[in-house]
Amino acid sequence: MSKPTVNIENWSVVDGVMSPAFRDLEPGWRLTGTIFGHAELPNGIIYTSAIVRVDAANGLVETHNTIYRLGQASNEYARWDWERWAARTA
């Protein structure tokens, strides 16, 4: 059975619901954001299951049951990511 592909906007990568610290976009962490177009879930905010694969070149993130097409990251997550990048390159 193929996995549904769902759009996610205003997303970030976090530990989970109970510990929403930002993390790198890589397997083992979870996405949170606003989803659109899921056949079985209403549009709205979601915390995903753990990420199993990231296709950064195509903006896709796969979890156990779903493939998420990344839209815009949340402003807070984008700022966190940029600050970490700037600190590494300074």
PDB file of N, CA and C in Angstrom:
ATOM      1  N   MET A   1       0.838  -1.188   0.000  1.00  0.00           N
ATOM      2  CA  MET A   1       0.000   0.000   0.000  1.00  0.00           C
ATOM      3  C   MET A   1       0.882   1.250   0.000  1.00  0.00           C
ATOM      4  N   SER A   2       0.606   2.190  -0.878  1.00  0.00           N
ATOM      5  CA  SER A   2       1.398   3.413  -0.942  1.00  0.00           C
ATOM      6  C   SER A   2       0.957   4.392   0.151  1.00  0.00           C
ATOM      7  N   LYS A   3       1.872   5.247   0.518  1.00  0.00           N
ATOM      8  CA  LYS A   3       1.595   6.234   1.556  1.00  0.00           C
ATOM      9  C   LYS A   3       1.008   7.478   0.925  1.00  0.00           C
ATOM     10  N   PRO A   4       0.060   8.120   1.624  1.00  0.00           N
ATOM     11  CA  PRO A   4      -0.467   9.386   1.102  1.00  0.00           C
ATOM     12  C   PRO A   4       0.596  10.478   1.201  1.00  0.00           C
ATOM     13  N   THR A   5       0.541  11.427   0.279  1.00  0.00           N
ATOM     14  CA  THR A   5       1.409  12.602   0.317  1.00  0.00           C
ATOM     15  C   THR A   5       0.556  13.789   0.723  1.00  0.00           C
ATOM     16  N   VAL A   6       1.009  14.499   1.750  1.00  0.00           N
ATOM     17  CA  VAL A   6       0.242  15.577   2.364  1.00  0.00           C
ATOM     18  C   VAL A   6       1.111  16.826   2.430  1.00  0.00           C
ATOM     19  N   ASN A   7       0.526  17.975   2.194  1.00  0.00           N
ATOM     20  CA  ASN A   7       1.242  19.247   2.316  1.00  0.00           C
ATOM     21  C   ASN A   7       1.296  19.666   3.778  1.00  0.00           C
ATOM     22  N   ILE A   8       2.467  20.177   4.200  1.00  0.00           N
ATOM     23  CA  ILE A   8       2.605  20.708   5.560  1.00  0.00           C
ATOM     24  C   ILE A   8       3.243  22.089   5.482  1.00  0.00           C
ATOM     25  N   GLU A   9       2.616  23.047   6.134  1.00  0.00           N
ATOM     26  CA  GLU A   9       3.077  24.438   6.165  1.00  0.00           C
ATOM     27  C   GLU A   9       3.349  24.837   7.613  1.00  0.00           C
ATOM     28  N   ASN A  10       4.094  25.924   7.754  1.00  0.00           N
ATOM     29  CA  ASN A  10       4.396  26.459   9.080  1.00  0.00           C
ATOM     30  C   ASN A  10       4.971  25.364   9.976  1.00  0.00           C
ATOM     31  N   TRP A  11       5.869  24.567   9.391  1.00  0.00           N
ATOM     32  CA  TRP A  11       6.371  23.381  10.066  1.00  0.00           C
ATOM     33  C   TRP A  11       7.658  23.651  10.833  1.00  0.00           C
ATOM     34  N   SER A  12       7.933  22.750  11.755  1.00  0.00           N
ATOM     35  CA  SER A  12       9.200  22.717  12.468  1.00  0.00           C
ATOM     36  C   SER A  12       9.495  21.273  12.830  1.00  0.00           C
ATOM     37  N   VAL A  13      10.719  21.015  13.238  1.00  0.00           N
ATOM     38  CA  VAL A  13      11.135  19.675  13.643  1.00  0.00           C
ATOM     39  C   VAL A  13      11.357  19.724  15.147  1.00  0.00           C
ATOM     40  N   VAL A  14      10.708  18.806  15.862  1.00  0.00           N
ATOM     41  CA  VAL A  14      10.743  18.825  17.327  1.00  0.00           C
ATOM     42  C   VAL A  14      10.992  17.429  17.882  1.00  0.00           C
ATOM     43  N   ASP A  15      11.302  17.396  19.197  1.00  0.00           N
ATOM     44  CA  ASP A  15      11.430  16.120  19.912  1.00  0.00           C
ATOM     45  C   ASP A  15      10.098  15.383  19.899  1.00  0.00           C
ATOM     46  N   GLY A  16       9.040  16.089  20.242  1.00  0.00           N
ATOM     47  CA  GLY A  16       7.711  15.503  20.333  1.00  0.00           C
ATOM     48  C   GLY A  16       6.759  16.460  21.017  1.00  0.00           C
ATOM     49  N   VAL A  17       5.571  16.003  21.291  1.00  0.00           N
ATOM     50  CA  VAL A  17       4.533  16.846  21.895  1.00  0.00           C
ATOM     51  C   VAL A  17       4.950  17.325  23.281  1.00  0.00           C
ATOM     52  N   MET A  18       5.518  16.438  24.084  1.00  0.00           N
ATOM     53  CA  MET A  18       5.866  16.770  25.464  1.00  0.00           C
ATOM     54  C   MET A  18       7.176  17.557  25.583  1.00  0.00           C
ATOM     55  N   SER A  19       8.013  17.520  24.572  1.00  0.00           N
ATOM     56  CA  SER A  19       9.281  18.231  24.596  1.00  0.00           C
ATOM     57  C   SER A  19       9.497  18.860  23.220  1.00  0.00           C
ATOM     58  N   PRO A  20       8.888  20.015  23.003  1.00  0.00           N
ATOM     59  CA  PRO A  20       8.917  20.603  21.656  1.00  0.00           C
ATOM     60  C   PRO A  20      10.177  21.397  21.313  1.00  0.00           C
ATOM     61  N   ALA A  21      11.343  20.966  21.791  1.00  0.00           N
ATOM     62  CA  ALA A  21      12.587  21.640  21.424  1.00  0.00           C
ATOM     63  C   ALA A  21      12.879  21.413  19.940  1.00  0.00           C
ATOM     64  N   PHE A  22      13.388  22.436  19.260  1.00  0.00           N
ATOM     65  CA  PHE A  22      13.704  22.302  17.838  1.00  0.00           C
ATOM     66  C   PHE A  22      14.866  21.339  17.627  1.00  0.00           C
ATOM     67  N   ARG A  23      14.812  20.628  16.513  1.00  0.00           N
ATOM     68  CA  ARG A  23      15.840  19.656  16.134  1.00  0.00           C
ATOM     69  C   ARG A  23      16.135  19.795  14.648  1.00  0.00           C
ATOM     70  N   ASP A  24      17.237  19.186  14.206  1.00  0.00           N
ATOM     71  CA  ASP A  24      17.577  19.153  12.784  1.00  0.00           C
ATOM     72  C   ASP A  24      16.577  18.285  12.023  1.00  0.00           C
ATOM     73  N   LEU A  25      16.413  18.575  10.753  1.00  0.00           N
ATOM     74  CA  LEU A  25      15.524  17.801   9.898  1.00  0.00           C
ATOM     75  C   LEU A  25      16.225  16.493   9.528  1.00  0.00           C
ATOM     76  N   GLU A  26      15.991  15.466  10.346  1.00  0.00           N
ATOM     77  CA  GLU A  26      16.618  14.171  10.132  1.00  0.00           C
ATOM     78  C   GLU A  26      15.790  13.077  10.795  1.00  0.00           C
ATOM     79  N   PRO A  27      16.019  11.833  10.397  1.00  0.00           N
ATOM     80  CA  PRO A  27      15.249  10.719  10.960  1.00  0.00           C
ATOM     81  C   PRO A  27      15.326  10.671  12.489  1.00  0.00           C
ATOM     82  N   GLY A  28      14.216  10.229  13.068  1.00  0.00           N
ATOM     83  CA  GLY A  28      14.114  10.070  14.508  1.00  0.00           C
ATOM     84  C   GLY A  28      13.323  11.164  15.191  1.00  0.00           C
ATOM     85  N   TRP A  29      13.299  12.362  14.609  1.00  0.00           N
ATOM     86  CA  TRP A  29      12.547  13.471  15.192  1.00  0.00           C
ATOM     87  C   TRP A  29      11.141  13.506  14.587  1.00  0.00           C
ATOM     88  N   ARG A  30      10.364  14.501  14.926  1.00  0.00           N
ATOM     89  CA  ARG A  30       8.974  14.608  14.462  1.00  0.00           C
ATOM     90  C   ARG A  30       8.716  15.978  13.849  1.00  0.00           C
ATOM     91  N   LEU A  31       7.814  16.001  12.893  1.00  0.00           N
ATOM     92  CA  LEU A  31       7.354  17.271  12.331  1.00  0.00           C
ATOM     93  C   LEU A  31       6.129  17.740  13.103  1.00  0.00           C
ATOM     94  N   THR A  32       5.984  19.031  13.198  1.00  0.00           N
ATOM     95  CA  THR A  32       4.732  19.623  13.629  1.00  0.00           C
ATOM     96  C   THR A  32       4.452  20.768  12.666  1.00  0.00           C
ATOM     97  N   GLY A  33       3.190  21.016  12.416  1.00  0.00           N
ATOM     98  CA  GLY A  33       2.817  22.083  11.501  1.00  0.00           C
ATOM     99  C   GLY A  33       1.361  21.939  11.111  1.00  0.00           C
ATOM    100  N   THR A  34       0.965  22.667  10.091  1.00  0.00           N
ATOM    101  CA  THR A  34      -0.411  22.652   9.614  1.00  0.00           C
ATOM    102  C   THR A  34      -0.478  21.837   8.333  1.00  0.00           C
ATOM    103  N   ILE A  35      -1.283  20.772   8.351  1.00  0.00           N
ATOM    104  CA  ILE A  35      -1.398  19.908   7.176  1.00  0.00           C
ATOM    105  C   ILE A  35      -2.617  20.273   6.348  1.00  0.00           C
ATOM    106  N   PHE A  36      -2.505  19.964   5.053  1.00  0.00           N
ATOM    107  CA  PHE A  36      -3.581  20.193   4.095  1.00  0.00           C
ATOM    108  C   PHE A  36      -3.653  19.002   3.153  1.00  0.00           C
ATOM    109  N   GLY A  37      -4.832  18.512   2.901  1.00  0.00           N
ATOM    110  CA  GLY A  37      -5.025  17.508   1.868  1.00  0.00           C
ATOM    111  C   GLY A  37      -4.894  16.067   2.285  1.00  0.00           C
ATOM    112  N   HIS A  38      -4.971  15.776   3.585  1.00  0.00           N
ATOM    113  CA  HIS A  38      -4.917  14.384   4.038  1.00  0.00           C
ATOM    114  C   HIS A  38      -6.301  13.771   3.863  1.00  0.00           C
ATOM    115  N   ALA A  39      -6.367  12.584   3.283  1.00  0.00           N
ATOM    116  CA  ALA A  39      -7.653  11.938   3.002  1.00  0.00           C
ATOM    117  C   ALA A  39      -8.409  11.549   4.270  1.00  0.00           C
ATOM    118  N   GLU A  40      -7.681  11.291   5.367  1.00  0.00           N
ATOM    119  CA  GLU A  40      -8.343  10.792   6.571  1.00  0.00           C
ATOM    120  C   GLU A  40      -8.320  11.754   7.750  1.00  0.00           C
ATOM    121  N   LEU A  41      -7.554  12.830   7.649  1.00  0.00           N
ATOM    122  CA  LEU A  41      -7.462  13.800   8.739  1.00  0.00           C
ATOM    123  C   LEU A  41      -7.908  15.167   8.252  1.00  0.00           C
ATOM    124  N   PRO A  42      -8.554  15.938   9.128  1.00  0.00           N
ATOM    125  CA  PRO A  42      -8.939  17.290   8.720  1.00  0.00           C
ATOM    126  C   PRO A  42      -7.707  18.188   8.622  1.00  0.00           C
ATOM    127  N   ASN A  43      -7.813  19.230   7.824  1.00  0.00           N
ATOM    128  CA  ASN A  43      -6.751  20.223   7.768  1.00  0.00           C
ATOM    129  C   ASN A  43      -6.565  20.796   9.169  1.00  0.00           C
ATOM    130  N   GLY A  44      -5.322  20.957   9.593  1.00  0.00           N
ATOM    131  CA  GLY A  44      -5.069  21.515  10.913  1.00  0.00           C
ATOM    132  C   GLY A  44      -3.696  21.147  11.422  1.00  0.00           C
ATOM    133  N   ILE A  45      -3.447  21.475  12.675  1.00  0.00           N
ATOM    134  CA  ILE A  45      -2.144  21.269  13.289  1.00  0.00           C
ATOM    135  C   ILE A  45      -1.954  19.803  13.647  1.00  0.00           C
ATOM    136  N   ILE A  46      -0.725  19.319  13.425  1.00  0.00           N
ATOM    137  CA  ILE A  46      -0.420  17.910  13.653  1.00  0.00           C
ATOM    138  C   ILE A  46       0.987  17.767  14.229  1.00  0.00           C
ATOM    139  N   TYR A  47       1.184  16.723  15.010  1.00  0.00           N
ATOM    140  CA  TYR A  47       2.505  16.211  15.380  1.00  0.00           C
ATOM    141  C   TYR A  47       2.596  14.858  14.713  1.00  0.00           C
ATOM    142  N   THR A  48       3.619  14.638  13.912  1.00  0.00           N
ATOM    143  CA  THR A  48       3.729  13.389  13.159  1.00  0.00           C
ATOM    144  C   THR A  48       4.381  12.299  14.003  1.00  0.00           C
ATOM    145  N   SER A  49       4.343  11.091  13.472  1.00  0.00           N
ATOM    146  CA  SER A  49       5.168  10.030  14.035  1.00  0.00           C
ATOM    147  C   SER A  49       6.615  10.337  13.655  1.00  0.00           C
ATOM    148  N   ALA A  50       7.533   9.524  14.117  1.00  0.00           N
ATOM    149  CA  ALA A  50       8.961   9.789  13.879  1.00  0.00           C
ATOM    150  C   ALA A  50       9.291   9.788  12.387  1.00  0.00           C
ATOM    151  N   ILE A  51      10.181  10.680  12.002  1.00  0.00           N
ATOM    152  CA  ILE A  51      10.669  10.755  10.629  1.00  0.00           C
ATOM    153  C   ILE A  51      11.519   9.516  10.350  1.00  0.00           C
ATOM    154  N   VAL A  52      11.272   8.885   9.189  1.00  0.00           N
ATOM    155  CA  VAL A  52      12.081   7.729   8.803  1.00  0.00           C
ATOM    156  C   VAL A  52      13.015   8.042   7.631  1.00  0.00           C
ATOM    157  N   ARG A  53      12.679   9.077   6.828  1.00  0.00           N
ATOM    158  CA  ARG A  53      13.518   9.418   5.681  1.00  0.00           C
ATOM    159  C   ARG A  53      13.277  10.868   5.302  1.00  0.00           C
ATOM    160  N   VAL A  54      14.363  11.542   4.906  1.00  0.00           N
ATOM    161  CA  VAL A  54      14.282  12.935   4.457  1.00  0.00           C
ATOM    162  C   VAL A  54      14.861  13.014   3.054  1.00  0.00           C
ATOM    163  N   ASP A  55      14.083  13.584   2.130  1.00  0.00           N
ATOM    164  CA  ASP A  55      14.540  13.862   0.767  1.00  0.00           C
ATOM    165  C   ASP A  55      14.564  15.384   0.637  1.00  0.00           C
ATOM    166  N   ALA A  56      15.648  15.990   1.143  1.00  0.00           N
ATOM    167  CA  ALA A  56      15.742  17.448   1.181  1.00  0.00           C
ATOM    168  C   ALA A  56      15.709  18.067  -0.207  1.00  0.00           C
ATOM    169  N   ALA A  57      16.294  17.411  -1.191  1.00  0.00           N
ATOM    170  CA  ALA A  57      16.339  17.952  -2.547  1.00  0.00           C
ATOM    171  C   ALA A  57      14.937  18.154  -3.121  1.00  0.00           C
ATOM    172  N   ASN A  58      14.009  17.279  -2.746  1.00  0.00           N
ATOM    173  CA  ASN A  58      12.637  17.375  -3.243  1.00  0.00           C
ATOM    174  C   ASN A  58      11.656  17.895  -2.203  1.00  0.00           C
ATOM    175  N   GLY A  59      12.141  18.251  -1.021  1.00  0.00           N
ATOM    176  CA  GLY A  59      11.283  18.796   0.026  1.00  0.00           C
ATOM    177  C   GLY A  59      10.277  17.795   0.553  1.00  0.00           C
ATOM    178  N   LEU A  60      10.697  16.533   0.692  1.00  0.00           N
ATOM    179  CA  LEU A  60       9.793  15.484   1.168  1.00  0.00           C
ATOM    180  C   LEU A  60      10.331  14.864   2.452  1.00  0.00           C
ATOM    181  N   VAL A  61       9.419  14.578   3.368  1.00  0.00           N
ATOM    182  CA  VAL A  61       9.761  13.919   4.626  1.00  0.00           C
ATOM    183  C   VAL A  61       8.802  12.751   4.798  1.00  0.00           C
ATOM    184  N   GLU A  62       9.363  11.573   5.031  1.00  0.00           N
ATOM    185  CA  GLU A  62       8.548  10.370   5.181  1.00  0.00           C
ATOM    186  C   GLU A  62       8.505   9.939   6.642  1.00  0.00           C
ATOM    187  N   THR A  63       7.294   9.620   7.111  1.00  0.00           N
ATOM    188  CA  THR A  63       7.101   9.018   8.424  1.00  0.00           C
ATOM    189  C   THR A  63       6.559   7.608   8.198  1.00  0.00           C
ATOM    190  N   HIS A  64       6.170   6.945   9.260  1.00  0.00           N
ATOM    191  CA  HIS A  64       5.704   5.562   9.150  1.00  0.00           C
ATOM    192  C   HIS A  64       4.535   5.408   8.170  1.00  0.00           C
ATOM    193  N   ASN A  65       3.593   6.350   8.192  1.00  0.00           N
ATOM    194  CA  ASN A  65       2.378   6.208   7.386  1.00  0.00           C
ATOM    195  C   ASN A  65       2.191   7.244   6.291  1.00  0.00           C
ATOM    196  N   THR A  66       2.993   8.305   6.286  1.00  0.00           N
ATOM    197  CA  THR A  66       2.699   9.444   5.416  1.00  0.00           C
ATOM    198  C   THR A  66       3.982  10.048   4.857  1.00  0.00           C
ATOM    199  N   ILE A  67       3.875  10.649   3.684  1.00  0.00           N
ATOM    200  CA  ILE A  67       4.940  11.466   3.106  1.00  0.00           C
ATOM    201  C   ILE A  67       4.455  12.914   3.150  1.00  0.00           C
ATOM    202  N   TYR A  68       5.272  13.778   3.717  1.00  0.00           N
ATOM    203  CA  TYR A  68       4.913  15.189   3.846  1.00  0.00           C
ATOM    204  C   TYR A  68       5.709  16.011   2.850  1.00  0.00           C
ATOM    205  N   ARG A  69       5.002  16.854   2.107  1.00  0.00           N
ATOM    206  CA  ARG A  69       5.618  17.798   1.174  1.00  0.00           C
ATOM    207  C   ARG A  69       5.794  19.108   1.934  1.00  0.00           C
ATOM    208  N   LEU A  70       7.044  19.491   2.160  1.00  0.00           N
ATOM    209  CA  LEU A  70       7.329  20.662   2.977  1.00  0.00           C
ATOM    210  C   LEU A  70       7.013  21.960   2.247  1.00  0.00           C
ATOM    211  N   GLY A  71       6.245  22.797   2.905  1.00  0.00           N
ATOM    212  CA  GLY A  71       6.020  24.162   2.450  1.00  0.00           C
ATOM    213  C   GLY A  71       6.973  25.064   3.216  1.00  0.00           C
ATOM    214  N   GLN A  72       6.503  26.200   3.670  1.00  0.00           N
ATOM    215  CA  GLN A  72       7.328  27.128   4.442  1.00  0.00           C
ATOM    216  C   GLN A  72       7.498  26.625   5.872  1.00  0.00           C
ATOM    217  N   ALA A  73       8.726  26.720   6.374  1.00  0.00           N
ATOM    218  CA  ALA A  73       8.978  26.433   7.789  1.00  0.00           C
ATOM    219  C   ALA A  73       8.379  27.558   8.631  1.00  0.00           C
ATOM    220  N   SER A  74       8.132  27.278   9.897  1.00  0.00           N
ATOM    221  CA  SER A  74       7.649  28.337  10.788  1.00  0.00           C
ATOM    222  C   SER A  74       8.736  29.393  10.923  1.00  0.00           C
ATOM    223  N   ASN A  75       8.345  30.616  11.204  1.00  0.00           N
ATOM    224  CA  ASN A  75       9.314  31.698  11.370  1.00  0.00           C
ATOM    225  C   ASN A  75      10.295  31.377  12.492  1.00  0.00           C
ATOM    226  N   GLU A  76       9.785  30.827  13.590  1.00  0.00           N
ATOM    227  CA  GLU A  76      10.643  30.505  14.732  1.00  0.00           C
ATOM    228  C   GLU A  76      11.670  29.439  14.377  1.00  0.00           C
ATOM    229  N   TYR A  77      11.233  28.399  13.648  1.00  0.00           N
ATOM    230  CA  TYR A  77      12.156  27.333  13.269  1.00  0.00           C
ATOM    231  C   TYR A  77      13.190  27.845  12.262  1.00  0.00           C
ATOM    232  N   ALA A  78      12.754  28.639  11.301  1.00  0.00           N
ATOM    233  CA  ALA A  78      13.684  29.198  10.313  1.00  0.00           C
ATOM    234  C   ALA A  78      14.726  30.077  10.998  1.00  0.00           C
ATOM    235  N   ARG A  79      14.315  30.873  11.973  1.00  0.00           N
ATOM    236  CA  ARG A  79      15.249  31.723  12.714  1.00  0.00           C
ATOM    237  C   ARG A  79      16.235  30.862  13.505  1.00  0.00           C
ATOM    238  N   TRP A  80      15.741  29.825  14.189  1.00  0.00           N
ATOM    239  CA  TRP A  80      16.597  28.908  14.952  1.00  0.00           C
ATOM    240  C   TRP A  80      17.632  28.260  14.029  1.00  0.00           C
ATOM    241  N   ASP A  81      17.187  27.787  12.878  1.00  0.00           N
ATOM    242  CA  ASP A  81      18.072  27.121  11.930  1.00  0.00           C
ATOM    243  C   ASP A  81      19.118  28.094  11.387  1.00  0.00           C
ATOM    244  N   TRP A  82      18.690  29.311  11.045  1.00  0.00           N
ATOM    245  CA  TRP A  82      19.618  30.309  10.516  1.00  0.00           C
ATOM    246  C   TRP A  82      20.653  30.703  11.562  1.00  0.00           C
ATOM    247  N   GLU A  83      20.237  30.900  12.808  1.00  0.00           N
ATOM    248  CA  GLU A  83      21.173  31.284  13.874  1.00  0.00           C
ATOM    249  C   GLU A  83      22.222  30.194  14.100  1.00  0.00           C
ATOM    250  N   ARG A  84      21.812  28.946  14.029  1.00  0.00           N
ATOM    251  CA  ARG A  84      22.776  27.840  14.182  1.00  0.00           C
ATOM    252  C   ARG A  84      23.745  27.822  13.012  1.00  0.00           C
ATOM    253  N   TRP A  85      23.229  28.018  11.799  1.00  0.00           N
ATOM    254  CA  TRP A  85      24.096  28.067  10.613  1.00  0.00           C
ATOM    255  C   TRP A  85      25.080  29.220  10.726  1.00  0.00           C
ATOM    256  N   ALA A  86      24.608  30.404  11.125  1.00  0.00           N
ATOM    257  CA  ALA A  86      25.476  31.573  11.240  1.00  0.00           C
ATOM    258  C   ALA A  86      26.560  31.360  12.279  1.00  0.00           C
ATOM    259  N   ALA A  87      26.228  30.717  13.379  1.00  0.00           N
ATOM    260  CA  ALA A  87      27.219  30.458  14.439  1.00  0.00           C
ATOM    261  C   ALA A  87      28.309  29.503  13.948  1.00  0.00           C
ATOM    262  N   ARG A  88      27.933  28.538  13.114  1.00  0.00           N
ATOM    263  CA  ARG A  88      28.910  27.562  12.596  1.00  0.00           C
ATOM    264  C   ARG A  88      29.838  28.183  11.551  1.00  0.00           C
ATOM    265  N   THR A  89      29.350  29.191  10.834  1.00  0.00           N
ATOM    266  CA  THR A  89      30.146  29.761   9.753  1.00  0.00           C
ATOM    267  C   THR A  89      30.888  31.031  10.158  1.00  0.00           C
ATOM    268  N   ALA A  90      30.666  31.466  11.387  1.00  0.00           N
ATOM    269  CA  ALA A  90      31.322  32.709  11.871  1.00  0.00           C
ATOM    270  C   ALA A  90      32.782  32.482  12.197  1.00  0.00           C
TER     271      ALA A  90
END
